[in-house]
Amino acid sequence: MNDKLRDKHMDDLFDAILTLKTRDECYSLFEDLCTISEIKSLASRFQVAILLSKGYTYTEIFEQTGVSTATISRVKRCLDYGADGYKTVLDRLDWKEDQSNQGKTETEGKE
C-alpha cells in the first residue's frame, strides 16, 4: 500500500470494513459513509475492473457502463501497475464463482 495513505485513521476505516459480514451491512456502512454518487462511482470502477479482466474492449465497457474512457484507462493502469488490490479481489471472486459453478455441475450430473 502507498505509504502516503497509511495512517491511524485509514487503519481504523479498513478495520471497520473488515468487520462487516453481510452485503446489507456493507450497504448500511457505505450509505452512511459516502454519498450515493461516491458509492456509484466506486461500483462503476469496480465493474470496469471486472470487464477489463474478462478481456472486454474500452468500447464494449463504455457501451455497457457509460464510464468514460479516461476512467477505464485509469482502472486499466491500476490493474497493470497498481498495488494489486483489484487483482486480489478479482482472483477471489473468480475462485468463488468457479466453486459455485462446479457445485452446480456436480449436482446436475447426479440427477
N, C-alpha and C. Protein backbone atom coordinates (compact mmCIF):
# COMPACT_ATOMS: atom_id res chain seq x y z
N MET A 1 0.84 -1.19 0.00
CA MET A 1 0.00 0.00 0.00
C MET A 1 0.87 1.24 0.00
N ASN A 2 0.36 2.26 -0.60
CA ASN A 2 1.03 3.55 -0.66
C ASN A 2 1.21 4.11 0.75
N ASP A 3 2.45 4.35 1.12
CA ASP A 3 2.74 4.85 2.48
C ASP A 3 2.11 6.22 2.74
N LYS A 4 1.80 6.98 1.68
CA LYS A 4 1.15 8.27 1.87
C LYS A 4 -0.28 8.09 2.39
N LEU A 5 -0.88 6.95 2.15
CA LEU A 5 -2.24 6.67 2.61
C LEU A 5 -2.28 6.08 4.01
N ARG A 6 -1.25 5.37 4.36
CA ARG A 6 -1.26 4.60 5.60
C ARG A 6 -1.13 5.52 6.82
N ASP A 7 -2.17 5.49 7.66
CA ASP A 7 -2.13 6.18 8.94
C ASP A 7 -3.21 5.59 9.85
N LYS A 8 -3.30 6.06 11.06
CA LYS A 8 -4.23 5.52 12.05
C LYS A 8 -5.68 5.62 11.59
N HIS A 9 -6.04 6.75 10.97
CA HIS A 9 -7.42 6.93 10.52
C HIS A 9 -7.79 5.93 9.43
N MET A 10 -6.87 5.71 8.50
CA MET A 10 -7.12 4.73 7.43
C MET A 10 -7.21 3.33 8.02
N ASP A 11 -6.31 3.02 8.96
CA ASP A 11 -6.35 1.72 9.62
C ASP A 11 -7.71 1.51 10.31
N ASP A 12 -8.20 2.54 10.98
CA ASP A 12 -9.50 2.44 11.65
C ASP A 12 -10.61 2.17 10.64
N LEU A 13 -10.59 2.89 9.52
CA LEU A 13 -11.61 2.69 8.49
C LEU A 13 -11.56 1.27 7.94
N PHE A 14 -10.38 0.81 7.58
CA PHE A 14 -10.27 -0.53 6.99
C PHE A 14 -10.59 -1.61 8.02
N ASP A 15 -10.22 -1.40 9.27
CA ASP A 15 -10.59 -2.36 10.32
C ASP A 15 -12.11 -2.43 10.45
N ALA A 16 -12.77 -1.28 10.35
CA ALA A 16 -14.23 -1.26 10.42
C ALA A 16 -14.84 -2.02 9.25
N ILE A 17 -14.33 -1.81 8.05
CA ILE A 17 -14.84 -2.51 6.87
C ILE A 17 -14.64 -4.01 7.00
N LEU A 18 -13.52 -4.41 7.56
CA LEU A 18 -13.23 -5.84 7.73
C LEU A 18 -14.16 -6.53 8.73
N THR A 19 -14.87 -5.75 9.54
CA THR A 19 -15.82 -6.37 10.49
C THR A 19 -17.16 -6.72 9.84
N LEU A 20 -17.43 -6.16 8.67
CA LEU A 20 -18.71 -6.39 8.01
C LEU A 20 -18.84 -7.84 7.58
N LYS A 21 -20.05 -8.38 7.77
CA LYS A 21 -20.25 -9.80 7.48
C LYS A 21 -21.26 -10.05 6.36
N THR A 22 -22.11 -9.08 6.07
CA THR A 22 -23.13 -9.30 5.06
C THR A 22 -23.16 -8.14 4.06
N ARG A 23 -23.79 -8.39 2.93
CA ARG A 23 -23.95 -7.34 1.93
C ARG A 23 -24.80 -6.21 2.51
N ASP A 24 -25.83 -6.54 3.29
CA ASP A 24 -26.67 -5.49 3.89
C ASP A 24 -25.85 -4.61 4.84
N GLU A 25 -24.94 -5.20 5.60
CA GLU A 25 -24.07 -4.41 6.46
C GLU A 25 -23.18 -3.48 5.62
N CYS A 26 -22.71 -3.97 4.49
CA CYS A 26 -21.90 -3.12 3.59
C CYS A 26 -22.72 -1.95 3.07
N TYR A 27 -23.95 -2.25 2.62
CA TYR A 27 -24.83 -1.18 2.14
C TYR A 27 -25.01 -0.13 3.24
N SER A 28 -25.29 -0.57 4.45
CA SER A 28 -25.54 0.37 5.55
C SER A 28 -24.34 1.24 5.84
N LEU A 29 -23.16 0.65 5.97
CA LEU A 29 -21.97 1.44 6.27
C LEU A 29 -21.65 2.41 5.15
N PHE A 30 -21.63 1.90 3.92
CA PHE A 30 -21.25 2.77 2.81
C PHE A 30 -22.29 3.87 2.58
N GLU A 31 -23.57 3.59 2.84
CA GLU A 31 -24.58 4.63 2.72
C GLU A 31 -24.36 5.73 3.76
N ASP A 32 -23.94 5.34 4.95
CA ASP A 32 -23.63 6.33 5.98
C ASP A 32 -22.32 7.06 5.71
N LEU A 33 -21.38 6.36 5.14
CA LEU A 33 -20.02 6.88 4.97
C LEU A 33 -19.86 7.74 3.72
N CYS A 34 -20.55 7.40 2.65
CA CYS A 34 -20.34 8.05 1.35
C CYS A 34 -21.65 8.62 0.82
N THR A 35 -21.52 9.52 -0.15
CA THR A 35 -22.71 9.96 -0.87
C THR A 35 -23.09 8.86 -1.85
N ILE A 36 -24.33 8.90 -2.33
CA ILE A 36 -24.78 7.92 -3.32
C ILE A 36 -23.88 8.00 -4.56
N SER A 37 -23.54 9.21 -4.96
CA SER A 37 -22.67 9.41 -6.12
C SER A 37 -21.30 8.75 -5.93
N GLU A 38 -20.73 8.89 -4.73
CA GLU A 38 -19.43 8.27 -4.44
C GLU A 38 -19.52 6.75 -4.49
N ILE A 39 -20.58 6.20 -3.93
CA ILE A 39 -20.75 4.74 -3.94
C ILE A 39 -20.91 4.25 -5.37
N LYS A 40 -21.71 4.94 -6.16
CA LYS A 40 -21.92 4.54 -7.55
C LYS A 40 -20.63 4.65 -8.35
N SER A 41 -19.83 5.65 -8.06
CA SER A 41 -18.54 5.81 -8.74
C SER A 41 -17.60 4.64 -8.41
N LEU A 42 -17.55 4.26 -7.13
CA LEU A 42 -16.74 3.10 -6.73
C LEU A 42 -17.23 1.83 -7.42
N ALA A 43 -18.55 1.65 -7.45
CA ALA A 43 -19.12 0.47 -8.08
C ALA A 43 -18.82 0.44 -9.57
N SER A 44 -18.89 1.60 -10.22
CA SER A 44 -18.59 1.67 -11.65
C SER A 44 -17.13 1.30 -11.93
N ARG A 45 -16.22 1.83 -11.13
CA ARG A 45 -14.80 1.49 -11.31
C ARG A 45 -14.57 0.00 -11.12
N PHE A 46 -15.24 -0.57 -10.13
CA PHE A 46 -15.06 -2.00 -9.90
C PHE A 46 -15.63 -2.81 -11.05
N GLN A 47 -16.77 -2.38 -11.60
CA GLN A 47 -17.35 -3.06 -12.76
C GLN A 47 -16.40 -2.99 -13.95
N VAL A 48 -15.76 -1.84 -14.14
CA VAL A 48 -14.77 -1.68 -15.20
C VAL A 48 -13.63 -2.68 -14.99
N ALA A 49 -13.16 -2.82 -13.78
CA ALA A 49 -12.08 -3.76 -13.49
C ALA A 49 -12.49 -5.19 -13.83
N ILE A 50 -13.72 -5.55 -13.49
CA ILE A 50 -14.23 -6.89 -13.82
C ILE A 50 -14.22 -7.10 -15.33
N LEU A 51 -14.76 -6.13 -16.06
CA LEU A 51 -14.86 -6.27 -17.51
C LEU A 51 -13.48 -6.28 -18.17
N LEU A 52 -12.57 -5.43 -17.71
CA LEU A 52 -11.21 -5.44 -18.25
C LEU A 52 -10.54 -6.79 -18.01
N SER A 53 -10.74 -7.34 -16.82
CA SER A 53 -10.11 -8.63 -16.50
C SER A 53 -10.67 -9.76 -17.35
N LYS A 54 -11.89 -9.56 -17.88
CA LYS A 54 -12.50 -10.57 -18.75
C LYS A 54 -12.19 -10.33 -20.22
N GLY A 55 -11.39 -9.28 -20.51
CA GLY A 55 -10.94 -9.04 -21.87
C GLY A 55 -11.83 -8.14 -22.71
N TYR A 56 -12.78 -7.46 -22.10
CA TYR A 56 -13.63 -6.54 -22.85
C TYR A 56 -12.81 -5.35 -23.34
N THR A 57 -13.20 -4.79 -24.48
CA THR A 57 -12.53 -3.61 -25.01
C THR A 57 -13.08 -2.36 -24.33
N TYR A 58 -12.35 -1.25 -24.49
CA TYR A 58 -12.81 0.02 -23.93
C TYR A 58 -14.19 0.37 -24.49
N THR A 59 -14.39 0.17 -25.78
CA THR A 59 -15.68 0.49 -26.40
C THR A 59 -16.80 -0.35 -25.81
N GLU A 60 -16.57 -1.63 -25.63
CA GLU A 60 -17.58 -2.51 -25.04
C GLU A 60 -17.89 -2.10 -23.60
N ILE A 61 -16.85 -1.74 -22.86
CA ILE A 61 -17.04 -1.32 -21.46
C ILE A 61 -17.83 -0.02 -21.41
N PHE A 62 -17.49 0.93 -22.29
CA PHE A 62 -18.22 2.19 -22.34
C PHE A 62 -19.69 1.94 -22.67
N GLU A 63 -19.94 1.07 -23.65
CA GLU A 63 -21.32 0.78 -24.05
C GLU A 63 -22.11 0.13 -22.92
N GLN A 64 -21.47 -0.72 -22.14
CA GLN A 64 -22.17 -1.41 -21.04
C GLN A 64 -22.35 -0.55 -19.81
N THR A 65 -21.36 0.32 -19.54
CA THR A 65 -21.36 1.03 -18.26
C THR A 65 -21.56 2.53 -18.37
N GLY A 66 -21.23 3.11 -19.51
CA GLY A 66 -21.28 4.56 -19.66
C GLY A 66 -20.12 5.27 -19.01
N VAL A 67 -19.16 4.51 -18.50
CA VAL A 67 -17.97 5.08 -17.85
C VAL A 67 -17.05 5.67 -18.91
N SER A 68 -16.48 6.82 -18.62
CA SER A 68 -15.60 7.48 -19.59
C SER A 68 -14.36 6.65 -19.88
N THR A 69 -13.80 6.87 -21.06
CA THR A 69 -12.56 6.16 -21.42
C THR A 69 -11.41 6.57 -20.50
N ALA A 70 -11.47 7.79 -19.97
CA ALA A 70 -10.42 8.23 -19.02
C ALA A 70 -10.48 7.37 -17.75
N THR A 71 -11.67 7.09 -17.26
CA THR A 71 -11.82 6.24 -16.08
C THR A 71 -11.42 4.80 -16.39
N ILE A 72 -11.83 4.33 -17.56
CA ILE A 72 -11.44 2.97 -17.96
C ILE A 72 -9.92 2.86 -18.01
N SER A 73 -9.28 3.86 -18.59
CA SER A 73 -7.82 3.88 -18.68
C SER A 73 -7.17 3.91 -17.30
N ARG A 74 -7.75 4.68 -16.39
CA ARG A 74 -7.22 4.77 -15.02
C ARG A 74 -7.31 3.41 -14.32
N VAL A 75 -8.44 2.74 -14.48
CA VAL A 75 -8.60 1.42 -13.87
C VAL A 75 -7.63 0.43 -14.51
N LYS A 76 -7.48 0.50 -15.82
CA LYS A 76 -6.54 -0.39 -16.53
C LYS A 76 -5.12 -0.19 -16.01
N ARG A 77 -4.74 1.06 -15.79
CA ARG A 77 -3.41 1.37 -15.26
C ARG A 77 -3.24 0.76 -13.87
N CYS A 78 -4.28 0.82 -13.05
CA CYS A 78 -4.22 0.20 -11.72
C CYS A 78 -4.10 -1.32 -11.83
N LEU A 79 -4.84 -1.91 -12.76
CA LEU A 79 -4.74 -3.36 -12.95
C LEU A 79 -3.34 -3.77 -13.38
N ASP A 80 -2.73 -2.96 -14.24
CA ASP A 80 -1.40 -3.30 -14.78
C ASP A 80 -0.25 -2.91 -13.86
N TYR A 81 -0.37 -1.77 -13.19
CA TYR A 81 0.78 -1.23 -12.45
C TYR A 81 0.46 -0.84 -11.01
N GLY A 82 -0.74 -1.14 -10.54
CA GLY A 82 -1.16 -0.70 -9.21
C GLY A 82 -0.68 -1.61 -8.10
N ALA A 83 -1.34 -1.50 -6.97
CA ALA A 83 -0.96 -2.23 -5.76
C ALA A 83 -1.55 -3.63 -5.70
N ASP A 84 -2.19 -4.08 -6.78
CA ASP A 84 -2.80 -5.41 -6.90
C ASP A 84 -4.05 -5.60 -6.04
N GLY A 85 -4.67 -4.51 -5.62
CA GLY A 85 -5.91 -4.61 -4.87
C GLY A 85 -7.04 -5.19 -5.71
N TYR A 86 -7.20 -4.66 -6.93
CA TYR A 86 -8.22 -5.23 -7.82
C TYR A 86 -7.92 -6.70 -8.07
N LYS A 87 -6.67 -7.01 -8.38
CA LYS A 87 -6.29 -8.39 -8.71
C LYS A 87 -6.62 -9.35 -7.57
N THR A 88 -6.31 -8.96 -6.36
CA THR A 88 -6.58 -9.80 -5.20
C THR A 88 -8.06 -10.13 -5.11
N VAL A 89 -8.89 -9.11 -5.20
CA VAL A 89 -10.34 -9.31 -5.06
C VAL A 89 -10.90 -10.07 -6.26
N LEU A 90 -10.48 -9.71 -7.46
CA LEU A 90 -10.99 -10.40 -8.65
C LEU A 90 -10.60 -11.87 -8.65
N ASP A 91 -9.39 -12.18 -8.22
CA ASP A 91 -8.98 -13.58 -8.12
C ASP A 91 -9.86 -14.34 -7.13
N ARG A 92 -10.16 -13.72 -6.01
CA ARG A 92 -11.00 -14.37 -5.00
C ARG A 92 -12.44 -14.53 -5.50
N LEU A 93 -12.96 -13.54 -6.20
CA LEU A 93 -14.31 -13.65 -6.74
C LEU A 93 -14.38 -14.71 -7.83
N ASP A 94 -13.36 -14.80 -8.67
CA ASP A 94 -13.32 -15.84 -9.70
C ASP A 94 -13.31 -17.21 -9.06
N TRP A 95 -12.54 -17.36 -7.98
CA TRP A 95 -12.49 -18.64 -7.29
C TRP A 95 -13.86 -18.98 -6.75
N LYS A 96 -14.51 -18.01 -6.12
CA LYS A 96 -15.83 -18.22 -5.55
C LYS A 96 -16.82 -18.60 -6.65
N GLU A 97 -16.78 -17.89 -7.78
CA GLU A 97 -17.67 -18.18 -8.90
C GLU A 97 -17.40 -19.57 -9.46
N ASP A 98 -16.11 -19.91 -9.62
CA ASP A 98 -15.75 -21.24 -10.13
C ASP A 98 -16.27 -22.33 -9.21
N GLN A 99 -16.14 -22.13 -7.89
CA GLN A 99 -16.59 -23.12 -6.92
C GLN A 99 -18.10 -23.30 -7.01
N SER A 100 -18.87 -22.21 -7.12
CA SER A 100 -20.32 -22.34 -7.18
C SER A 100 -20.75 -23.00 -8.49
N ASN A 101 -20.08 -22.68 -9.58
CA ASN A 101 -20.40 -23.33 -10.86
C ASN A 101 -20.05 -24.80 -10.83
N GLN A 102 -18.94 -25.14 -10.18
CA GLN A 102 -18.51 -26.53 -10.07
C GLN A 102 -19.55 -27.31 -9.28
N GLY A 103 -20.07 -26.73 -8.22
CA GLY A 103 -21.08 -27.40 -7.40
C GLY A 103 -22.34 -27.67 -8.20
N LYS A 104 -22.74 -26.73 -9.05
CA LYS A 104 -23.93 -26.92 -9.87
C LYS A 104 -23.72 -28.05 -10.86
N THR A 105 -22.53 -28.10 -11.44
CA THR A 105 -22.23 -29.15 -12.42
C THR A 105 -22.29 -30.52 -11.76
N GLU A 106 -21.69 -30.63 -10.58
CA GLU A 106 -21.70 -31.91 -9.88
C GLU A 106 -23.11 -32.33 -9.53
N THR A 107 -23.95 -31.38 -9.08
CA THR A 107 -25.32 -31.67 -8.72
C THR A 107 -26.14 -32.10 -9.94
N GLU A 108 -25.93 -31.35 -11.05
CA GLU A 108 -26.67 -31.68 -12.26
C GLU A 108 -26.33 -33.09 -12.75
N GLY A 109 -25.07 -33.47 -12.59
CA GLY A 109 -24.63 -34.79 -13.05
C GLY A 109 -25.23 -35.91 -12.26
N LYS A 110 -25.66 -35.64 -11.01
CA LYS A 110 -26.20 -36.69 -10.14
C LYS A 110 -27.69 -36.92 -10.36
N GLU A 111 -28.35 -35.99 -11.05
CA GLU A 111 -29.81 -36.14 -11.24
C GLU A 111 -30.16 -37.15 -12.27
